[in-house]
């Protein structure tokens, strides 16, 4: 399950943000329909930490209200829009969503806000980093995935996580070998 949900409309204005997330090693779930988004939220609510919504017309207002009511207590909600006549921006502010960005003017700000929100929610590692660490650890234990999932939330740097995982391995040779392999990455 992904901690990031991108809700786009038919214009696909979040496609560049999705590419930036992929390049940075983050997993996300991308939907192009509000019904799919609400269904995904219903099924995966506890894991979702950030919802980015592309809102470009009044048809999305009811769905944004539903997303806000179901996720505002547990996820950062970001709205991204073309906002040509400023009405969408003012409506979003009235709804109580503070994070509003304009398409083509603040694209890099959206990506940076997603990264900051992940760090604020204690997610210090990309999915790619955790997968690589898990595969390296798998050479030394069959419980690699479980160990990474349990240890990562209590670690604030990759080096700290590597050392905590090494301490959980049996035998000094396994610990040293894992640290050497992990630091080569």
C-alpha atoms as a PDB file:
ATOM      1  CA  UNK A   1       0.000   0.000   0.000  1.00  0.00           C
ATOM      2  CA  UNK A   2       1.172   3.475  -0.795  1.00  0.00           C
ATOM      3  CA  UNK A   3       1.198   6.414   1.606  1.00  0.00           C
ATOM      4  CA  UNK A   4       0.640   8.870  -1.256  1.00  0.00           C
ATOM      5  CA  UNK A   5      -2.582   9.101  -3.272  1.00  0.00           C
ATOM      6  CA  UNK A   6      -2.627  11.250  -6.422  1.00  0.00           C
ATOM      7  CA  UNK A   7      -6.145  12.068  -7.626  1.00  0.00           C
ATOM      8  CA  UNK A   8      -5.996  13.507 -11.112  1.00  0.00           C
ATOM      9  CA  UNK A   9      -8.665  14.449 -13.592  1.00  0.00           C
ATOM     10  CA  UNK A  10      -8.743  13.950 -17.337  1.00  0.00           C
ATOM     11  CA  UNK A  11      -6.141  16.683 -17.890  1.00  0.00           C
ATOM     12  CA  UNK A  12      -3.409  14.703 -16.118  1.00  0.00           C
ATOM     13  CA  UNK A  13      -1.825  17.754 -14.526  1.00  0.00           C
ATOM     14  CA  UNK A  14      -0.240  15.584 -11.821  1.00  0.00           C
ATOM     15  CA  UNK A  15       1.747  13.475 -14.297  1.00  0.00           C
ATOM     16  CA  UNK A  16       4.945  15.510 -13.793  1.00  0.00           C
ATOM     17  CA  UNK A  17       4.586  15.247 -10.022  1.00  0.00           C
ATOM     18  CA  UNK A  18       4.151  11.484 -10.405  1.00  0.00           C
ATOM     19  CA  UNK A  19       7.340  11.314 -12.471  1.00  0.00           C
ATOM     20  CA  UNK A  20       9.230  13.310  -9.841  1.00  0.00           C
ATOM     21  CA  UNK A  21       7.999  10.965  -7.099  1.00  0.00           C
ATOM     22  CA  UNK A  22       9.102   7.940  -9.110  1.00  0.00           C
ATOM     23  CA  UNK A  23      12.525   9.471  -9.762  1.00  0.00           C
ATOM     24  CA  UNK A  24      12.903  10.196  -6.038  1.00  0.00           C
ATOM     25  CA  UNK A  25      12.045   6.575  -5.158  1.00  0.00           C
ATOM     26  CA  UNK A  26       8.584   7.102  -3.662  1.00  0.00           C
ATOM     27  CA  UNK A  27       5.652   4.782  -4.315  1.00  0.00           C
ATOM     28  CA  UNK A  28       2.226   6.297  -4.892  1.00  0.00           C
ATOM     29  CA  UNK A  29      -1.224   5.310  -6.090  1.00  0.00           C
ATOM     30  CA  UNK A  30      -2.459   7.312  -9.092  1.00  0.00           C
ATOM     31  CA  UNK A  31      -6.148   7.480 -10.011  1.00  0.00           C
ATOM     32  CA  UNK A  32      -7.873   9.552 -12.659  1.00  0.00           C
ATOM     33  CA  UNK A  33     -11.400   9.299 -11.310  1.00  0.00           C
ATOM     34  CA  UNK A  34     -12.902  10.540  -8.054  1.00  0.00           C
ATOM     35  CA  UNK A  35     -14.921   7.337  -7.601  1.00  0.00           C
ATOM     36  CA  UNK A  36     -11.713   5.303  -7.779  1.00  0.00           C
ATOM     37  CA  UNK A  37     -10.099   7.679  -5.294  1.00  0.00           C
ATOM     38  CA  UNK A  38     -12.929   7.368  -2.777  1.00  0.00           C
ATOM     39  CA  UNK A  39     -12.905   3.583  -3.148  1.00  0.00           C
ATOM     40  CA  UNK A  40      -9.123   3.468  -2.631  1.00  0.00           C
ATOM     41  CA  UNK A  41      -9.469   5.658   0.460  1.00  0.00           C
ATOM     42  CA  UNK A  42     -12.198   3.409   1.838  1.00  0.00           C
ATOM     43  CA  UNK A  43      -9.994   0.322   1.425  1.00  0.00           C
ATOM     44  CA  UNK A  44      -6.624   1.822   2.453  1.00  0.00           C
ATOM     45  CA  UNK A  45      -7.402   4.702   4.795  1.00  0.00           C
ATOM     46  CA  UNK A  46      -4.921   3.799   7.578  1.00  0.00           C
ATOM     47  CA  UNK A  47      -1.920   3.722   5.234  1.00  0.00           C
ATOM     48  CA  UNK A  48      -2.589   6.968   3.342  1.00  0.00           C
ATOM     49  CA  UNK A  49      -0.573   9.953   4.605  1.00  0.00           C
ATOM     50  CA  UNK A  50      -0.869  12.416   1.703  1.00  0.00           C
ATOM     51  CA  UNK A  51      -3.673  13.057  -0.780  1.00  0.00           C
ATOM     52  CA  UNK A  52      -2.933  15.337  -3.740  1.00  0.00           C
ATOM     53  CA  UNK A  53      -6.063  16.333  -5.657  1.00  0.00           C
ATOM     54  CA  UNK A  54      -6.142  17.999  -9.072  1.00  0.00           C
ATOM     55  CA  UNK A  55      -9.272  20.139  -9.057  1.00  0.00           C
ATOM     56  CA  UNK A  56     -10.176  22.024 -12.204  1.00  0.00           C
ATOM     57  CA  UNK A  57     -13.941  22.412 -12.233  1.00  0.00           C
ATOM     58  CA  UNK A  58     -17.031  22.380 -10.044  1.00  0.00           C
ATOM     59  CA  UNK A  59     -17.639  18.673 -10.727  1.00  0.00           C
ATOM     60  CA  UNK A  60     -14.854  17.809  -8.305  1.00  0.00           C
ATOM     61  CA  UNK A  61     -16.124  19.903  -5.376  1.00  0.00           C
ATOM     62  CA  UNK A  62     -18.397  17.215  -3.847  1.00  0.00           C
ATOM     63  CA  UNK A  63     -15.646  14.629  -4.131  1.00  0.00           C
ATOM     64  CA  UNK A  64     -13.093  16.940  -2.532  1.00  0.00           C
ATOM     65  CA  UNK A  65     -15.523  17.494   0.368  1.00  0.00           C
ATOM     66  CA  UNK A  66     -15.799  13.699   0.808  1.00  0.00           C
ATOM     67  CA  UNK A  67     -12.026  13.262   0.639  1.00  0.00           C
ATOM     68  CA  UNK A  68     -11.527  16.012   3.214  1.00  0.00           C
ATOM     69  CA  UNK A  69     -14.153  14.628   5.588  1.00  0.00           C
ATOM     70  CA  UNK A  70     -12.714  11.122   5.461  1.00  0.00           C
ATOM     71  CA  UNK A  71      -8.986  11.970   5.454  1.00  0.00           C
ATOM     72  CA  UNK A  72      -8.322  15.353   7.094  1.00  0.00           C
ATOM     73  CA  UNK A  73      -7.756  13.772  10.515  1.00  0.00           C
ATOM     74  CA  UNK A  74      -4.967  11.494   9.265  1.00  0.00           C
ATOM     75  CA  UNK A  75      -3.562  12.804   5.981  1.00  0.00           C
ATOM     76  CA  UNK A  76      -2.191  15.993   4.494  1.00  0.00           C
ATOM     77  CA  UNK A  77      -4.506  17.173   1.726  1.00  0.00           C
ATOM     78  CA  UNK A  78      -2.993  19.195  -1.110  1.00  0.00           C
ATOM     79  CA  UNK A  79      -5.066  20.735  -3.912  1.00  0.00           C
ATOM     80  CA  UNK A  80      -3.467  21.506  -7.257  1.00  0.00           C
ATOM     81  CA  UNK A  81      -5.398  23.453  -9.884  1.00  0.00           C
ATOM     82  CA  UNK A  82      -5.187  25.645 -12.965  1.00  0.00           C
ATOM     83  CA  UNK A  83      -7.337  28.179 -11.059  1.00  0.00           C
ATOM     84  CA  UNK A  84      -7.609  30.567 -14.009  1.00  0.00           C
ATOM     85  CA  UNK A  85     -10.267  32.800 -12.476  1.00  0.00           C
ATOM     86  CA  UNK A  86      -9.258  32.395  -8.785  1.00  0.00           C
ATOM     87  CA  UNK A  87     -12.637  30.859  -7.806  1.00  0.00           C
ATOM     88  CA  UNK A  88     -11.239  27.387  -7.149  1.00  0.00           C
ATOM     89  CA  UNK A  89      -8.533  28.763  -4.879  1.00  0.00           C
ATOM     90  CA  UNK A  90     -10.976  30.784  -2.814  1.00  0.00           C
ATOM     91  CA  UNK A  91     -13.404  27.846  -2.569  1.00  0.00           C
ATOM     92  CA  UNK A  92     -10.627  25.514  -1.379  1.00  0.00           C
ATOM     93  CA  UNK A  93      -9.614  28.035   1.309  1.00  0.00           C
ATOM     94  CA  UNK A  94     -13.252  28.304   2.456  1.00  0.00           C
ATOM     95  CA  UNK A  95     -13.343  24.521   2.740  1.00  0.00           C
ATOM     96  CA  UNK A  96     -10.455  24.770   5.196  1.00  0.00           C
ATOM     97  CA  UNK A  97      -7.720  23.268   3.047  1.00  0.00           C
ATOM     98  CA  UNK A  98      -4.607  25.388   3.477  1.00  0.00           C
ATOM     99  CA  UNK A  99      -2.344  23.729   0.922  1.00  0.00           C
ATOM    100  CA  UNK A 100      -3.378  25.050  -2.481  1.00  0.00           C
ATOM    101  CA  UNK A 101      -1.005  25.324  -5.441  1.00  0.00           C
ATOM    102  CA  UNK A 102      -1.481  26.604  -8.960  1.00  0.00           C
ATOM    103  CA  UNK A 103      -0.604  24.465 -11.964  1.00  0.00           C
ATOM    104  CA  UNK A 104       2.317  25.647 -14.140  1.00  0.00           C
ATOM    105  CA  UNK A 105       3.301  28.221 -11.514  1.00  0.00           C
ATOM    106  CA  UNK A 106       3.950  26.152  -8.383  1.00  0.00           C
ATOM    107  CA  UNK A 107       4.663  22.646  -9.642  1.00  0.00           C
ATOM    108  CA  UNK A 108       7.982  22.293  -7.807  1.00  0.00           C
ATOM    109  CA  UNK A 109       6.300  23.606  -4.640  1.00  0.00           C
ATOM    110  CA  UNK A 110       3.820  20.711  -4.746  1.00  0.00           C
ATOM    111  CA  UNK A 111       6.613  18.150  -4.943  1.00  0.00           C
ATOM    112  CA  UNK A 112       8.578  19.836  -2.145  1.00  0.00           C
ATOM    113  CA  UNK A 113       5.444  19.980   0.023  1.00  0.00           C
ATOM    114  CA  UNK A 114       4.865  16.254  -0.485  1.00  0.00           C
ATOM    115  CA  UNK A 115       8.428  15.535   0.651  1.00  0.00           C
ATOM    116  CA  UNK A 116       8.088  17.822   3.699  1.00  0.00           C
ATOM    117  CA  UNK A 117       4.790  16.184   4.637  1.00  0.00           C
ATOM    118  CA  UNK A 118       6.377  12.735   4.471  1.00  0.00           C
ATOM    119  CA  UNK A 119       9.150  13.832   6.831  1.00  0.00           C
ATOM    120  CA  UNK A 120       6.641  15.446   9.211  1.00  0.00           C
ATOM    121  CA  UNK A 121       4.753  12.168   9.338  1.00  0.00           C
ATOM    122  CA  UNK A 122       7.927  10.270  10.236  1.00  0.00           C
ATOM    123  CA  UNK A 123       8.515   8.740   6.815  1.00  0.00           C
ATOM    124  CA  UNK A 124      12.241   9.383   6.420  1.00  0.00           C
ATOM    125  CA  UNK A 125      12.988   6.786   3.743  1.00  0.00           C
ATOM    126  CA  UNK A 126      11.809   6.252   0.201  1.00  0.00           C
ATOM    127  CA  UNK A 127      10.216   2.966  -0.768  1.00  0.00           C
ATOM    128  CA  UNK A 128      13.189   2.325  -3.037  1.00  0.00           C
ATOM    129  CA  UNK A 129      15.651   2.702  -0.151  1.00  0.00           C
ATOM    130  CA  UNK A 130      13.651   0.291   2.007  1.00  0.00           C
ATOM    131  CA  UNK A 131      13.398  -2.273  -0.815  1.00  0.00           C
ATOM    132  CA  UNK A 132      17.159  -2.153  -1.413  1.00  0.00           C
ATOM    133  CA  UNK A 133      17.850  -2.479   2.307  1.00  0.00           C
ATOM    134  CA  UNK A 134      15.432  -5.407   2.557  1.00  0.00           C
ATOM    135  CA  UNK A 135      17.100  -7.234  -0.326  1.00  0.00           C
ATOM    136  CA  UNK A 136      20.548  -6.708   1.236  1.00  0.00           C
ATOM    137  CA  UNK A 137      19.297  -7.882   4.625  1.00  0.00           C
ATOM    138  CA  UNK A 138      17.673 -10.945   3.038  1.00  0.00           C
ATOM    139  CA  UNK A 139      21.166 -12.374   2.471  1.00  0.00           C
ATOM    140  CA  UNK A 140      21.527 -12.624   6.255  1.00  0.00           C
ATOM    141  CA  UNK A 141      18.041 -13.488   7.550  1.00  0.00           C
ATOM    142  CA  UNK A 142      14.711 -14.814   6.302  1.00  0.00           C
ATOM    143  CA  UNK A 143      12.843 -12.167   8.345  1.00  0.00           C
ATOM    144  CA  UNK A 144      14.338  -9.230   6.417  1.00  0.00           C
ATOM    145  CA  UNK A 145      11.065  -7.607   5.341  1.00  0.00           C
ATOM    146  CA  UNK A 146       9.547  -7.871   8.823  1.00  0.00           C
ATOM    147  CA  UNK A 147      12.665  -6.455  10.458  1.00  0.00           C
ATOM    148  CA  UNK A 148      12.784  -3.455   8.104  1.00  0.00           C
ATOM    149  CA  UNK A 149       9.074  -2.694   8.612  1.00  0.00           C
ATOM    150  CA  UNK A 150       9.438  -2.843  12.391  1.00  0.00           C
ATOM    151  CA  UNK A 151      12.682  -0.863  12.606  1.00  0.00           C
ATOM    152  CA  UNK A 152      12.262   1.882   9.975  1.00  0.00           C
ATOM    153  CA  UNK A 153       9.598   3.922  11.859  1.00  0.00           C
ATOM    154  CA  UNK A 154      11.960   4.315  14.841  1.00  0.00           C
ATOM    155  CA  UNK A 155      14.920   5.461  12.716  1.00  0.00           C
ATOM    156  CA  UNK A 156      15.582   8.962  11.431  1.00  0.00           C
ATOM    157  CA  UNK A 157      18.519   8.318   9.134  1.00  0.00           C
ATOM    158  CA  UNK A 158      19.581   5.544   6.803  1.00  0.00           C
ATOM    159  CA  UNK A 159      22.773   4.965   8.780  1.00  0.00           C
ATOM    160  CA  UNK A 160      20.813   4.669  12.036  1.00  0.00           C
ATOM    161  CA  UNK A 161      18.442   2.174  10.419  1.00  0.00           C
ATOM    162  CA  UNK A 162      21.331   0.104   9.045  1.00  0.00           C
ATOM    163  CA  UNK A 163      22.972  -0.108  12.474  1.00  0.00           C
ATOM    164  CA  UNK A 164      19.726  -1.012  14.229  1.00  0.00           C
ATOM    165  CA  UNK A 165      19.128  -3.791  11.708  1.00  0.00           C
ATOM    166  CA  UNK A 166      22.693  -5.039  12.084  1.00  0.00           C
ATOM    167  CA  UNK A 167      22.283  -5.280  15.865  1.00  0.00           C
ATOM    168  CA  UNK A 168      19.228  -7.494  15.343  1.00  0.00           C
ATOM    169  CA  UNK A 169      21.244 -10.032  13.335  1.00  0.00           C
ATOM    170  CA  UNK A 170      22.825 -13.024  15.019  1.00  0.00           C
ATOM    171  CA  UNK A 171      26.600 -13.306  14.915  1.00  0.00           C
ATOM    172  CA  UNK A 172      29.209 -10.617  14.563  1.00  0.00           C
ATOM    173  CA  UNK A 173      30.156 -11.816  11.059  1.00  0.00           C
ATOM    174  CA  UNK A 174      26.566 -11.389   9.834  1.00  0.00           C
ATOM    175  CA  UNK A 175      26.410  -7.940  11.409  1.00  0.00           C
ATOM    176  CA  UNK A 176      29.671  -6.806   9.813  1.00  0.00           C
ATOM    177  CA  UNK A 177      28.811  -8.349   6.456  1.00  0.00           C
ATOM    178  CA  UNK A 178      25.408  -6.678   6.374  1.00  0.00           C
ATOM    179  CA  UNK A 179      26.840  -3.255   7.262  1.00  0.00           C
ATOM    180  CA  UNK A 180      29.501  -3.523   4.585  1.00  0.00           C
ATOM    181  CA  UNK A 181      26.935  -4.566   1.947  1.00  0.00           C
ATOM    182  CA  UNK A 182      24.443  -1.906   3.038  1.00  0.00           C
ATOM    183  CA  UNK A 183      27.000   0.886   2.915  1.00  0.00           C
ATOM    184  CA  UNK A 184      28.048  -0.073  -0.645  1.00  0.00           C
ATOM    185  CA  UNK A 185      24.576   0.880  -1.896  1.00  0.00           C
END
